[in-house]
């Protein structure tokens, strides 16, 4: 939701002086994207300014927080990273993905311009990788995401769990 995005942006800003920021999902999946039902409930937007305030600015605020922080951001991706989740994975300075991770930008299938997600991926993901994700809307596996530059390293799911446990223990 936009509220969760604002919370993420605030947490990243508050941790800007940290040695490391770790971003990971709490469940089986990293992030399934923005709450499209809430976005639809807010619309239809009466003006372009309403759309910008209710849809565009909340996502850009999160992206901006990633870009402004001086602390490195480590993304740990398990399960699915869809839409906004795929963008978040691409924004991280280093992204570790489990070998069962899956990535997708389904915006075009939902009639949503993919410009926001594309802007998050610029600079980290290859241009052809971005275009493939956008135009195909296909789900790509972790190895394909690695080849595109969306993730830094693919690890066995069991090893990813150990890395997450180490992070929680503070090691």
N, C-alpha and C. Protein backbone atom coordinates (compact mmCIF):
# COMPACT_ATOMS: atom_id res chain seq x y z
N UNK A 1 0.84 -1.18 0.00
CA UNK A 1 0.00 0.00 0.00
C UNK A 1 0.89 1.24 0.00
N UNK A 2 0.30 2.36 -0.30
CA UNK A 2 1.05 3.61 -0.25
C UNK A 2 1.58 3.86 1.15
N UNK A 3 0.80 3.47 2.15
CA UNK A 3 1.24 3.66 3.54
C UNK A 3 2.47 2.80 3.85
N UNK A 4 2.48 1.57 3.37
CA UNK A 4 3.65 0.71 3.58
C UNK A 4 4.86 1.27 2.84
N UNK A 5 4.65 1.80 1.66
CA UNK A 5 5.74 2.42 0.92
C UNK A 5 6.32 3.60 1.68
N UNK A 6 5.45 4.43 2.25
CA UNK A 6 5.92 5.56 3.04
C UNK A 6 6.71 5.08 4.26
N UNK A 7 6.26 3.98 4.85
CA UNK A 7 6.98 3.42 5.99
C UNK A 7 8.37 2.93 5.58
N UNK A 8 8.46 2.26 4.44
CA UNK A 8 9.76 1.79 3.93
C UNK A 8 10.68 2.99 3.67
N UNK A 9 10.15 4.02 3.01
CA UNK A 9 10.96 5.21 2.72
C UNK A 9 11.44 5.85 4.01
N UNK A 10 10.58 5.95 5.02
CA UNK A 10 10.96 6.53 6.30
C UNK A 10 12.02 5.71 7.02
N UNK A 11 11.88 4.39 6.96
CA UNK A 11 12.85 3.51 7.61
C UNK A 11 14.22 3.62 6.93
N UNK A 12 14.24 3.71 5.62
CA UNK A 12 15.51 3.84 4.91
C UNK A 12 16.14 5.19 5.23
N UNK A 13 15.35 6.25 5.26
CA UNK A 13 15.88 7.57 5.60
C UNK A 13 16.42 7.58 7.03
N UNK A 14 15.71 6.95 7.95
CA UNK A 14 16.15 6.91 9.35
C UNK A 14 17.43 6.10 9.53
N UNK A 15 17.67 5.14 8.65
CA UNK A 15 18.84 4.27 8.75
C UNK A 15 19.98 4.73 7.85
N UNK A 16 19.90 5.94 7.33
CA UNK A 16 20.87 6.41 6.34
C UNK A 16 22.32 6.39 6.85
N UNK A 17 22.51 6.51 8.16
CA UNK A 17 23.86 6.51 8.72
C UNK A 17 24.31 5.12 9.17
N UNK A 18 23.52 4.11 8.89
CA UNK A 18 23.86 2.74 9.26
C UNK A 18 24.98 2.20 8.39
N UNK A 19 25.61 1.15 8.86
CA UNK A 19 26.64 0.49 8.06
C UNK A 19 26.02 -0.32 6.94
N UNK A 20 24.78 -0.81 7.16
CA UNK A 20 24.11 -1.65 6.18
C UNK A 20 22.61 -1.64 6.46
N UNK A 21 21.83 -1.54 5.40
CA UNK A 21 20.38 -1.68 5.48
C UNK A 21 20.03 -2.99 4.79
N UNK A 22 19.26 -3.85 5.47
CA UNK A 22 18.84 -5.12 4.90
C UNK A 22 17.34 -5.05 4.64
N UNK A 23 16.95 -5.33 3.41
CA UNK A 23 15.55 -5.35 3.02
C UNK A 23 15.19 -6.77 2.61
N UNK A 24 14.21 -7.35 3.29
CA UNK A 24 13.78 -8.71 2.96
C UNK A 24 12.31 -8.85 3.29
N UNK A 25 11.68 -9.84 2.67
CA UNK A 25 10.29 -10.13 2.95
C UNK A 25 10.17 -10.97 4.21
N UNK A 26 9.02 -10.90 4.85
CA UNK A 26 8.81 -11.65 6.09
C UNK A 26 8.15 -13.00 5.85
N UNK A 27 7.62 -13.22 4.67
CA UNK A 27 6.92 -14.47 4.40
C UNK A 27 7.58 -15.28 3.31
N UNK A 28 6.77 -16.03 2.59
CA UNK A 28 7.28 -16.87 1.51
C UNK A 28 7.74 -16.06 0.31
N UNK A 29 7.22 -14.85 0.18
CA UNK A 29 7.54 -14.01 -0.97
C UNK A 29 8.19 -12.71 -0.51
N UNK A 30 9.01 -12.15 -1.39
CA UNK A 30 9.67 -10.88 -1.11
C UNK A 30 8.64 -9.75 -1.11
N UNK A 31 7.92 -9.59 -2.22
CA UNK A 31 6.90 -8.55 -2.34
C UNK A 31 6.06 -8.84 -3.58
N UNK A 32 4.75 -8.83 -3.42
CA UNK A 32 3.84 -9.14 -4.52
C UNK A 32 3.34 -7.89 -5.24
N UNK A 33 3.95 -6.75 -4.96
CA UNK A 33 3.59 -5.53 -5.66
C UNK A 33 2.68 -4.63 -4.85
N UNK A 34 2.34 -3.52 -5.46
CA UNK A 34 1.47 -2.55 -4.79
C UNK A 34 0.05 -3.10 -4.73
N UNK A 35 -0.71 -2.63 -3.77
CA UNK A 35 -2.08 -3.06 -3.57
C UNK A 35 -2.96 -2.43 -4.65
N UNK A 36 -3.16 -3.18 -5.74
CA UNK A 36 -3.91 -2.64 -6.87
C UNK A 36 -5.37 -2.37 -6.52
N UNK A 37 -5.93 -3.13 -5.60
CA UNK A 37 -7.32 -2.87 -5.19
C UNK A 37 -7.44 -1.51 -4.52
N UNK A 38 -6.48 -1.17 -3.69
CA UNK A 38 -6.50 0.14 -3.02
C UNK A 38 -6.29 1.26 -4.03
N UNK A 39 -5.41 1.03 -5.00
CA UNK A 39 -5.19 2.05 -6.03
C UNK A 39 -6.44 2.25 -6.88
N UNK A 40 -7.13 1.14 -7.21
CA UNK A 40 -8.38 1.24 -7.99
C UNK A 40 -9.47 1.93 -7.17
N UNK A 41 -9.52 1.65 -5.89
CA UNK A 41 -10.55 2.24 -5.03
C UNK A 41 -10.37 3.76 -4.92
N UNK A 42 -9.13 4.22 -5.04
CA UNK A 42 -8.86 5.65 -4.97
C UNK A 42 -9.28 6.38 -6.24
N UNK A 43 -9.41 5.68 -7.34
CA UNK A 43 -9.71 6.29 -8.64
C UNK A 43 -11.14 6.10 -9.01
N UNK A 44 -11.58 6.50 -10.16
CA UNK A 44 -10.70 7.10 -11.15
C UNK A 44 -10.28 8.51 -10.73
N UNK A 45 -9.06 8.85 -11.06
CA UNK A 45 -8.54 10.15 -10.70
C UNK A 45 -9.21 11.21 -11.55
N UNK A 46 -9.56 12.33 -10.91
CA UNK A 46 -10.25 13.41 -11.63
C UNK A 46 -9.27 14.24 -12.46
N UNK A 47 -8.04 14.35 -11.96
CA UNK A 47 -7.04 15.14 -12.68
C UNK A 47 -5.71 14.39 -12.68
N UNK A 48 -4.81 14.83 -13.53
CA UNK A 48 -3.47 14.25 -13.57
C UNK A 48 -2.76 14.50 -12.24
N UNK A 49 -3.02 15.64 -11.61
CA UNK A 49 -2.41 15.94 -10.32
C UNK A 49 -2.88 14.95 -9.25
N UNK A 50 -4.16 14.59 -9.29
CA UNK A 50 -4.68 13.58 -8.36
C UNK A 50 -3.98 12.24 -8.57
N UNK A 51 -3.77 11.87 -9.83
CA UNK A 51 -3.08 10.62 -10.13
C UNK A 51 -1.65 10.65 -9.61
N UNK A 52 -1.00 11.78 -9.83
CA UNK A 52 0.38 11.92 -9.37
C UNK A 52 0.45 11.76 -7.85
N UNK A 53 -0.45 12.42 -7.13
CA UNK A 53 -0.45 12.35 -5.66
C UNK A 53 -0.81 10.97 -5.14
N UNK A 54 -1.77 10.31 -5.78
CA UNK A 54 -2.27 9.04 -5.27
C UNK A 54 -1.55 7.81 -5.77
N UNK A 55 -0.80 7.93 -6.87
CA UNK A 55 -0.19 6.76 -7.47
C UNK A 55 1.32 6.93 -7.68
N UNK A 56 1.70 8.00 -8.36
CA UNK A 56 3.09 8.16 -8.76
C UNK A 56 4.00 8.59 -7.62
N UNK A 57 3.62 9.65 -6.90
CA UNK A 57 4.49 10.18 -5.85
C UNK A 57 4.82 9.19 -4.75
N UNK A 58 3.87 8.36 -4.29
CA UNK A 58 4.25 7.40 -3.25
C UNK A 58 5.34 6.43 -3.68
N UNK A 59 5.28 5.94 -4.92
CA UNK A 59 6.33 5.04 -5.40
C UNK A 59 7.64 5.78 -5.58
N UNK A 60 7.59 6.98 -6.14
CA UNK A 60 8.82 7.74 -6.35
C UNK A 60 9.48 8.13 -5.03
N UNK A 61 8.68 8.31 -3.98
CA UNK A 61 9.25 8.62 -2.66
C UNK A 61 10.08 7.45 -2.15
N UNK A 62 9.61 6.24 -2.38
CA UNK A 62 10.38 5.06 -1.96
C UNK A 62 11.66 4.96 -2.79
N UNK A 63 11.54 5.11 -4.10
CA UNK A 63 12.71 5.03 -4.97
C UNK A 63 13.74 6.10 -4.56
N UNK A 64 13.26 7.30 -4.26
CA UNK A 64 14.15 8.39 -3.86
C UNK A 64 14.89 8.08 -2.57
N UNK A 65 14.20 7.44 -1.62
CA UNK A 65 14.85 7.08 -0.35
C UNK A 65 16.01 6.13 -0.60
N UNK A 66 15.84 5.18 -1.48
CA UNK A 66 16.92 4.25 -1.83
C UNK A 66 18.10 5.02 -2.43
N UNK A 67 17.80 5.96 -3.30
CA UNK A 67 18.86 6.67 -4.01
C UNK A 67 19.57 7.70 -3.12
N UNK A 68 18.89 8.23 -2.12
CA UNK A 68 19.49 9.24 -1.25
C UNK A 68 20.33 8.65 -0.12
N UNK A 69 20.03 7.44 0.30
CA UNK A 69 20.74 6.91 1.46
C UNK A 69 22.21 6.67 1.13
N UNK A 70 23.05 6.94 2.12
CA UNK A 70 24.47 6.68 1.93
C UNK A 70 24.83 5.27 2.39
N UNK A 71 23.94 4.63 3.12
CA UNK A 71 24.18 3.25 3.56
C UNK A 71 23.91 2.29 2.41
N UNK A 72 24.73 1.27 2.26
CA UNK A 72 24.43 0.27 1.24
C UNK A 72 23.17 -0.51 1.62
N UNK A 73 22.37 -0.83 0.62
CA UNK A 73 21.13 -1.58 0.84
C UNK A 73 21.30 -2.98 0.26
N UNK A 74 21.13 -3.97 1.12
CA UNK A 74 21.20 -5.38 0.73
C UNK A 74 19.79 -5.92 0.64
N UNK A 75 19.40 -6.38 -0.53
CA UNK A 75 18.10 -7.02 -0.71
C UNK A 75 18.27 -8.53 -0.65
N UNK A 76 17.39 -9.17 0.11
CA UNK A 76 17.38 -10.63 0.19
C UNK A 76 16.02 -11.08 -0.31
N UNK A 77 16.01 -11.68 -1.50
CA UNK A 77 14.76 -12.01 -2.19
C UNK A 77 14.51 -13.51 -2.16
N UNK A 78 13.36 -13.87 -1.62
CA UNK A 78 12.87 -15.24 -1.65
C UNK A 78 11.49 -15.22 -2.30
N UNK A 79 11.14 -16.31 -2.96
CA UNK A 79 9.81 -16.39 -3.57
C UNK A 79 9.64 -15.38 -4.69
N UNK A 80 8.47 -14.75 -4.71
CA UNK A 80 8.13 -13.84 -5.81
C UNK A 80 8.46 -12.38 -5.48
N UNK A 81 8.93 -11.68 -6.50
CA UNK A 81 9.15 -10.24 -6.47
C UNK A 81 8.43 -9.69 -7.70
N UNK A 82 7.20 -9.24 -7.48
CA UNK A 82 6.33 -8.87 -8.58
C UNK A 82 6.10 -7.36 -8.58
N UNK A 83 6.12 -6.74 -9.76
CA UNK A 83 5.83 -5.31 -9.89
C UNK A 83 6.74 -4.46 -9.01
N UNK A 84 6.14 -3.79 -8.03
CA UNK A 84 6.89 -2.94 -7.10
C UNK A 84 7.98 -3.74 -6.40
N UNK A 85 7.71 -5.02 -6.10
CA UNK A 85 8.72 -5.88 -5.48
C UNK A 85 9.92 -6.10 -6.39
N UNK A 86 9.67 -6.25 -7.68
CA UNK A 86 10.75 -6.39 -8.65
C UNK A 86 11.56 -5.10 -8.70
N UNK A 87 10.87 -3.96 -8.67
CA UNK A 87 11.55 -2.67 -8.67
C UNK A 87 12.41 -2.51 -7.42
N UNK A 88 11.88 -2.90 -6.26
CA UNK A 88 12.65 -2.81 -5.01
C UNK A 88 13.91 -3.66 -5.09
N UNK A 89 13.79 -4.88 -5.63
CA UNK A 89 14.96 -5.75 -5.77
C UNK A 89 16.02 -5.09 -6.65
N UNK A 90 15.58 -4.42 -7.70
CA UNK A 90 16.50 -3.74 -8.59
C UNK A 90 17.13 -2.50 -7.99
N UNK A 91 16.47 -1.86 -7.05
CA UNK A 91 17.00 -0.66 -6.41
C UNK A 91 18.10 -0.95 -5.41
N UNK A 92 18.10 -2.13 -4.84
CA UNK A 92 19.10 -2.47 -3.82
C UNK A 92 20.50 -2.42 -4.43
N UNK A 93 21.47 -2.04 -3.61
CA UNK A 93 22.86 -2.01 -4.08
C UNK A 93 23.37 -3.41 -4.38
N UNK A 94 23.02 -4.35 -3.53
CA UNK A 94 23.36 -5.76 -3.71
C UNK A 94 22.09 -6.54 -3.44
N UNK A 95 21.75 -7.45 -4.34
CA UNK A 95 20.54 -8.26 -4.17
C UNK A 95 20.92 -9.73 -4.26
N UNK A 96 20.65 -10.45 -3.17
CA UNK A 96 20.81 -11.90 -3.14
C UNK A 96 19.45 -12.52 -3.37
N UNK A 97 19.38 -13.50 -4.23
CA UNK A 97 18.10 -14.15 -4.52
C UNK A 97 18.23 -15.64 -4.32
N UNK A 98 17.20 -16.23 -3.73
CA UNK A 98 17.19 -17.69 -3.61
C UNK A 98 16.99 -18.27 -5.00
N UNK A 99 17.43 -19.51 -5.16
CA UNK A 99 17.34 -20.13 -6.48
C UNK A 99 15.90 -20.37 -6.93
N UNK A 100 14.94 -20.22 -6.01
CA UNK A 100 13.54 -20.36 -6.41
C UNK A 100 12.84 -19.00 -6.56
N UNK A 101 13.60 -17.90 -6.48
CA UNK A 101 13.01 -16.57 -6.63
C UNK A 101 12.49 -16.36 -8.05
N UNK A 102 11.43 -15.58 -8.17
CA UNK A 102 10.82 -15.27 -9.45
C UNK A 102 10.52 -13.77 -9.51
N UNK A 103 10.74 -13.18 -10.68
CA UNK A 103 10.61 -11.73 -10.86
C UNK A 103 9.68 -11.45 -12.03
N UNK A 104 8.89 -10.39 -11.89
CA UNK A 104 7.96 -10.05 -12.97
C UNK A 104 7.57 -8.59 -12.88
N UNK A 105 7.41 -7.97 -14.05
CA UNK A 105 6.80 -6.64 -14.17
C UNK A 105 5.52 -6.81 -14.98
N UNK A 106 4.37 -7.04 -14.32
CA UNK A 106 3.13 -7.32 -15.04
C UNK A 106 2.31 -6.09 -15.40
N UNK A 107 2.88 -4.89 -15.26
CA UNK A 107 2.10 -3.67 -15.45
C UNK A 107 1.34 -3.63 -16.76
N UNK A 108 1.99 -4.00 -17.85
CA UNK A 108 1.35 -3.91 -19.17
C UNK A 108 0.13 -4.83 -19.26
N UNK A 109 0.16 -5.96 -18.56
CA UNK A 109 -0.99 -6.86 -18.55
C UNK A 109 -2.19 -6.24 -17.84
N UNK A 110 -1.95 -5.23 -17.00
CA UNK A 110 -3.01 -4.60 -16.22
C UNK A 110 -3.35 -3.21 -16.73
N UNK A 111 -2.80 -2.85 -17.90
CA UNK A 111 -3.08 -1.54 -18.47
C UNK A 111 -2.42 -0.40 -17.71
N UNK A 112 -1.34 -0.70 -17.01
CA UNK A 112 -0.62 0.30 -16.23
C UNK A 112 0.68 0.64 -16.95
N UNK A 113 0.94 1.91 -17.21
CA UNK A 113 2.23 2.25 -17.83
C UNK A 113 3.38 1.81 -16.92
N UNK A 114 4.39 1.15 -17.46
CA UNK A 114 5.47 0.61 -16.63
C UNK A 114 6.56 1.62 -16.31
N UNK A 115 6.31 2.90 -16.52
CA UNK A 115 7.35 3.92 -16.37
C UNK A 115 7.95 3.95 -14.96
N UNK A 116 7.13 3.81 -13.92
CA UNK A 116 7.65 3.85 -12.56
C UNK A 116 8.64 2.72 -12.31
N UNK A 117 8.26 1.52 -12.65
CA UNK A 117 9.15 0.38 -12.44
C UNK A 117 10.41 0.52 -13.28
N UNK A 118 10.26 1.00 -14.50
CA UNK A 118 11.42 1.18 -15.37
C UNK A 118 12.40 2.17 -14.74
N UNK A 119 11.88 3.25 -14.16
CA UNK A 119 12.76 4.26 -13.57
C UNK A 119 13.53 3.70 -12.39
N UNK A 120 12.95 2.74 -11.68
CA UNK A 120 13.64 2.12 -10.55
C UNK A 120 14.79 1.23 -11.02
N UNK A 121 14.64 0.63 -12.16
CA UNK A 121 15.63 -0.33 -12.65
C UNK A 121 16.77 0.29 -13.43
N UNK A 122 16.56 1.51 -13.94
CA UNK A 122 17.60 2.18 -14.73
C UNK A 122 18.87 2.32 -13.91
N UNK A 123 19.98 1.99 -14.52
CA UNK A 123 21.26 2.11 -13.85
C UNK A 123 21.74 0.83 -13.21
N UNK A 124 20.84 -0.10 -12.93
CA UNK A 124 21.24 -1.37 -12.33
C UNK A 124 20.97 -2.56 -13.25
N UNK A 125 19.90 -2.50 -14.00
CA UNK A 125 19.50 -3.60 -14.87
C UNK A 125 19.83 -3.19 -16.31
N UNK A 126 20.25 -4.16 -17.11
CA UNK A 126 20.60 -3.84 -18.49
C UNK A 126 19.37 -3.30 -19.23
N UNK A 127 19.57 -2.39 -20.18
CA UNK A 127 18.43 -1.86 -20.94
C UNK A 127 17.62 -2.97 -21.61
N UNK A 128 18.28 -3.95 -22.19
CA UNK A 128 17.54 -5.05 -22.83
C UNK A 128 16.79 -5.88 -21.79
N UNK A 129 17.36 -6.03 -20.61
CA UNK A 129 16.67 -6.74 -19.53
C UNK A 129 15.41 -6.01 -19.11
N UNK A 130 15.50 -4.70 -18.98
CA UNK A 130 14.32 -3.90 -18.62
C UNK A 130 13.25 -4.06 -19.69
N UNK A 131 13.64 -3.91 -20.94
CA UNK A 131 12.66 -4.00 -22.02
C UNK A 131 12.01 -5.39 -22.07
N UNK A 132 12.80 -6.42 -21.82
CA UNK A 132 12.24 -7.76 -21.82
C UNK A 132 11.21 -7.91 -20.70
N UNK A 133 11.56 -7.48 -19.51
CA UNK A 133 10.63 -7.57 -18.38
C UNK A 133 9.34 -6.80 -18.68
N UNK A 134 9.48 -5.60 -19.22
CA UNK A 134 8.32 -4.74 -19.49
C UNK A 134 7.45 -5.30 -20.61
N UNK A 135 8.05 -5.60 -21.75
CA UNK A 135 7.26 -6.00 -22.92
C UNK A 135 6.72 -7.42 -22.83
N UNK A 136 7.50 -8.32 -22.27
CA UNK A 136 7.03 -9.71 -22.22
C UNK A 136 6.08 -9.95 -21.07
N UNK A 137 6.23 -9.21 -19.99
CA UNK A 137 5.51 -9.41 -18.72
C UNK A 137 5.70 -10.82 -18.17
N UNK A 138 6.68 -11.54 -18.70
CA UNK A 138 6.94 -12.91 -18.26
C UNK A 138 7.56 -12.95 -16.86
N UNK A 139 7.34 -14.03 -16.18
CA UNK A 139 8.03 -14.30 -14.93
C UNK A 139 9.40 -14.86 -15.28
N UNK A 140 10.45 -14.27 -14.72
CA UNK A 140 11.79 -14.76 -14.98
C UNK A 140 12.35 -15.36 -13.70
N UNK A 141 13.16 -16.39 -13.86
CA UNK A 141 13.74 -17.06 -12.71
C UNK A 141 14.99 -16.29 -12.25
N UNK A 142 15.54 -16.73 -11.13
CA UNK A 142 16.67 -16.03 -10.52
C UNK A 142 17.89 -15.99 -11.43
N UNK A 143 18.15 -17.07 -12.15
CA UNK A 143 19.32 -17.09 -13.05
C UNK A 143 19.16 -16.07 -14.18
N UNK A 144 17.97 -15.96 -14.73
CA UNK A 144 17.72 -14.95 -15.78
C UNK A 144 17.84 -13.55 -15.20
N UNK A 145 17.33 -13.35 -13.98
CA UNK A 145 17.43 -12.06 -13.30
C UNK A 145 18.90 -11.70 -13.06
N UNK A 146 19.71 -12.69 -12.74
CA UNK A 146 21.15 -12.47 -12.55
C UNK A 146 21.79 -12.00 -13.86
N UNK A 147 21.45 -12.65 -14.96
CA UNK A 147 22.00 -12.28 -16.26
C UNK A 147 21.61 -10.86 -16.66
N UNK A 148 20.44 -10.41 -16.22
CA UNK A 148 19.95 -9.06 -16.55
C UNK A 148 20.56 -7.99 -15.66
N UNK A 149 21.15 -8.39 -14.55
CA UNK A 149 21.67 -7.43 -13.60
C UNK A 149 20.66 -7.04 -12.53
N UNK A 150 19.54 -7.73 -12.49
CA UNK A 150 18.51 -7.45 -11.49
C UNK A 150 18.93 -7.96 -10.12
N UNK A 151 19.68 -9.04 -10.07
CA UNK A 151 20.21 -9.57 -8.80
C UNK A 151 21.72 -9.70 -8.93
N UNK A 152 22.38 -9.73 -7.77
CA UNK A 152 23.84 -9.80 -7.73
C UNK A 152 24.34 -11.23 -7.64
N UNK A 153 23.59 -12.07 -6.92
CA UNK A 153 24.02 -13.44 -6.72
C UNK A 153 22.80 -14.31 -6.44
N UNK A 154 22.83 -15.53 -6.96
CA UNK A 154 21.79 -16.51 -6.69
C UNK A 154 22.37 -17.54 -5.73
N UNK A 155 21.63 -17.82 -4.66
CA UNK A 155 22.08 -18.79 -3.66
C UNK A 155 20.99 -19.84 -3.45
N UNK A 156 21.41 -20.99 -2.98
CA UNK A 156 20.44 -22.04 -2.68
C UNK A 156 19.47 -21.54 -1.61
N UNK A 157 18.22 -21.94 -1.73
CA UNK A 157 17.20 -21.47 -0.80
C UNK A 157 17.61 -21.71 0.65
N UNK A 158 18.19 -22.86 0.96
CA UNK A 158 18.63 -23.16 2.32
C UNK A 158 19.72 -22.21 2.80
N UNK A 159 20.62 -21.83 1.90
CA UNK A 159 21.68 -20.89 2.26
C UNK A 159 21.12 -19.49 2.49
N UNK A 160 20.10 -19.11 1.73
CA UNK A 160 19.49 -17.81 1.92
C UNK A 160 18.87 -17.72 3.31
N UNK A 161 18.24 -18.80 3.74
CA UNK A 161 17.68 -18.84 5.09
C UNK A 161 18.74 -18.64 6.15
N UNK A 162 19.91 -19.24 5.95
CA UNK A 162 21.01 -19.06 6.90
C UNK A 162 21.49 -17.62 6.90
N UNK A 163 21.54 -16.99 5.74
CA UNK A 163 21.95 -15.59 5.66
C UNK A 163 20.96 -14.70 6.39
N UNK A 164 19.67 -15.00 6.26
CA UNK A 164 18.66 -14.21 6.94
C UNK A 164 18.77 -14.41 8.45
N UNK A 165 19.08 -15.61 8.91
CA UNK A 165 19.25 -15.86 10.34
C UNK A 165 20.45 -15.11 10.88
N UNK A 166 21.54 -15.06 10.12
CA UNK A 166 22.72 -14.32 10.54
C UNK A 166 22.39 -12.84 10.68
N UNK A 167 21.60 -12.32 9.75
CA UNK A 167 21.23 -10.90 9.78
C UNK A 167 20.42 -10.61 11.04
N UNK A 168 19.52 -11.48 11.39
CA UNK A 168 18.69 -11.28 12.58
C UNK A 168 19.55 -11.34 13.85
N UNK A 169 20.55 -12.21 13.87
CA UNK A 169 21.43 -12.33 15.02
C UNK A 169 22.44 -11.19 15.10
N UNK A 170 22.53 -10.39 14.06
CA UNK A 170 23.43 -9.27 14.06
C UNK A 170 24.86 -9.60 13.65
N UNK A 171 25.07 -10.76 13.07
CA UNK A 171 26.42 -11.12 12.62
C UNK A 171 26.61 -10.78 11.17
